[in-house]
Amino acid sequence: MCGACTVHVDGAARRACFTPVANVGAAHVRTIETLHETAVGQALQRAWRELEVVQCGYCQSGQLMSAAALLAANARPTDADIDMVMSGNICRCGTYGRIRAGIHLAANYLSQSADGAGASAT
């Protein structure tokens, strides 16, 4: 229930710990290991490094996967949007402010890309 095991099932964030494999069927599953293959994942990883979001790192795979699903669905999330989506991810170190800032920074990177200042956001 901490969110660290978050994966994407057909693009939606799901907790692997209570998602039976039988329920996944032929759905596409993305794990943290391939997040860098997406523009959203690259933007998040860049923002996380720039803002030094990570402290201990335990929760970060789930934080990144939840943030990626959020940004894929909402290119300009508000603080309230972020807080609602990320509320299922527990950070023992309390870096919630840096996580929120990282999501906003990643959204800015993606909007710059979409505006032609960089690579495609898809």
Protein backbone atom coordinates (compact mmCIF):
# COMPACT_ATOMS: atom_id res chain seq x y z
CA MET A 1 0.00 0.00 0.00
CA CYS A 2 3.06 2.28 -0.07
CA GLY A 3 3.08 2.78 -3.85
CA ALA A 4 6.70 1.71 -4.40
CA CYS A 5 5.59 -1.12 -6.71
CA THR A 6 3.62 1.11 -9.11
CA VAL A 7 3.64 0.01 -12.75
CA HIS A 8 1.64 1.10 -15.78
CA VAL A 9 -1.00 -1.25 -17.18
CA ASP A 10 -2.08 0.11 -20.56
CA GLY A 11 -0.82 3.50 -19.38
CA ALA A 12 -2.69 3.57 -16.08
CA ALA A 13 -0.78 3.52 -12.79
CA ARG A 14 -1.46 0.31 -10.86
CA ARG A 15 0.01 -1.23 -7.73
CA ALA A 16 1.73 -4.48 -8.69
CA CYS A 17 1.42 -5.80 -5.14
CA PHE A 18 -2.32 -6.27 -5.46
CA THR A 19 -2.82 -6.62 -9.23
CA PRO A 20 -3.19 -10.31 -10.04
CA VAL A 21 -1.34 -11.31 -13.19
CA ALA A 22 -4.51 -13.05 -14.37
CA ASN A 23 -6.22 -9.64 -14.47
CA VAL A 24 -3.54 -8.13 -16.72
CA GLY A 25 -4.17 -10.46 -19.67
CA ALA A 26 -2.78 -9.05 -22.90
CA ALA A 27 -2.40 -5.51 -21.53
CA HIS A 28 0.86 -3.65 -22.02
CA VAL A 29 2.81 -3.40 -18.77
CA ARG A 30 5.56 -0.80 -18.33
CA THR A 31 7.88 -0.91 -15.35
CA ILE A 32 10.39 1.61 -14.04
CA GLU A 33 13.12 -0.13 -16.06
CA THR A 34 11.69 1.22 -19.34
CA LEU A 35 10.39 4.59 -18.19
CA HIS A 36 13.39 6.32 -19.80
CA GLU A 37 12.10 5.20 -23.21
CA THR A 38 9.31 7.79 -23.04
CA ALA A 39 9.56 11.55 -23.32
CA VAL A 40 7.64 11.88 -20.05
CA GLY A 41 10.05 9.52 -18.32
CA GLN A 42 13.06 11.41 -19.64
CA ALA A 43 11.60 14.74 -18.52
CA LEU A 44 10.88 13.37 -15.04
CA GLN A 45 14.34 11.85 -14.66
CA ARG A 46 15.93 15.14 -15.75
CA ALA A 47 13.81 17.12 -13.29
CA TRP A 48 14.49 14.64 -10.47
CA ARG A 49 18.25 14.97 -11.00
CA GLU A 50 18.17 18.76 -11.36
CA LEU A 51 16.12 19.27 -8.18
CA GLU A 52 17.80 16.46 -6.25
CA VAL A 53 14.38 15.01 -5.43
CA VAL A 54 15.66 11.67 -4.18
CA GLN A 55 16.80 11.25 -0.61
CA CYS A 56 16.85 7.55 0.38
CA GLY A 57 15.35 6.34 -2.91
CA TYR A 58 13.06 3.60 -1.55
CA CYS A 59 9.86 5.11 -2.94
CA GLN A 60 11.22 6.63 -6.12
CA SER A 61 10.21 3.97 -8.63
CA GLY A 62 6.60 4.34 -7.52
CA GLN A 63 6.84 8.13 -7.36
CA LEU A 64 8.20 8.31 -10.91
CA MET A 65 5.68 5.83 -12.33
CA SER A 66 2.74 7.66 -10.72
CA ALA A 67 4.08 11.02 -11.88
CA ALA A 68 4.55 9.69 -15.43
CA ALA A 69 0.95 8.45 -15.58
CA LEU A 70 -0.22 11.83 -14.28
CA LEU A 71 1.76 13.80 -16.87
CA ALA A 72 0.66 11.51 -19.68
CA ALA A 73 -2.96 12.29 -18.79
CA ASN A 74 -2.56 15.92 -17.67
CA ALA A 75 0.19 18.01 -19.24
CA ARG A 76 -0.29 20.92 -16.81
CA PRO A 77 -1.27 19.52 -13.40
CA THR A 78 -2.03 21.86 -10.53
CA ASP A 79 -0.69 21.28 -7.03
CA ALA A 80 -4.09 19.81 -6.15
CA ASP A 81 -3.93 17.43 -9.14
CA ILE A 82 -0.46 16.31 -8.10
CA ASP A 83 -1.40 15.88 -4.46
CA MET A 84 -4.47 13.81 -5.37
CA VAL A 85 -2.63 11.45 -7.75
CA MET A 86 0.51 11.14 -5.66
CA SER A 87 -1.29 10.64 -2.34
CA GLY A 88 -0.99 6.87 -2.64
CA ASN A 89 2.80 7.05 -2.69
CA ILE A 90 4.46 7.20 0.69
CA CYS A 91 7.84 8.92 1.05
CA ARG A 92 9.48 8.11 4.37
CA CYS A 93 11.88 11.02 3.94
CA GLY A 94 9.10 13.54 3.36
CA THR A 95 10.35 14.94 0.05
CA TYR A 96 6.81 15.66 -1.13
CA GLY A 97 7.62 19.32 -1.88
CA ARG A 98 10.56 18.33 -4.09
CA ILE A 99 8.46 15.65 -5.80
CA ARG A 100 5.75 18.22 -6.58
CA ALA A 101 8.37 20.68 -7.87
CA GLY A 102 9.91 17.92 -9.99
CA ILE A 103 6.57 17.14 -11.60
CA HIS A 104 6.02 20.82 -12.42
CA LEU A 105 9.55 21.10 -13.86
CA ALA A 106 9.04 17.96 -15.97
CA ALA A 107 5.75 19.42 -17.26
CA ASN A 108 7.67 22.56 -18.27
CA TYR A 109 10.28 20.49 -20.10
CA LEU A 110 7.54 18.64 -21.94
CA SER A 111 5.71 21.84 -22.91
CA GLN A 112 8.98 23.27 -24.26
CA SER A 113 9.43 20.11 -26.32
CA ALA A 114 5.88 20.33 -27.61
CA ASP A 115 6.47 23.96 -28.57
CA GLY A 116 9.42 22.91 -30.75
CA ALA A 117 12.24 23.77 -28.34
CA GLY A 118 13.33 20.15 -28.11
CA ALA A 119 12.41 16.57 -28.93
CA SER A 120 8.85 15.40 -29.37
CA ALA A 121 6.90 14.77 -26.16
CA THR A 122 5.40 11.52 -27.47
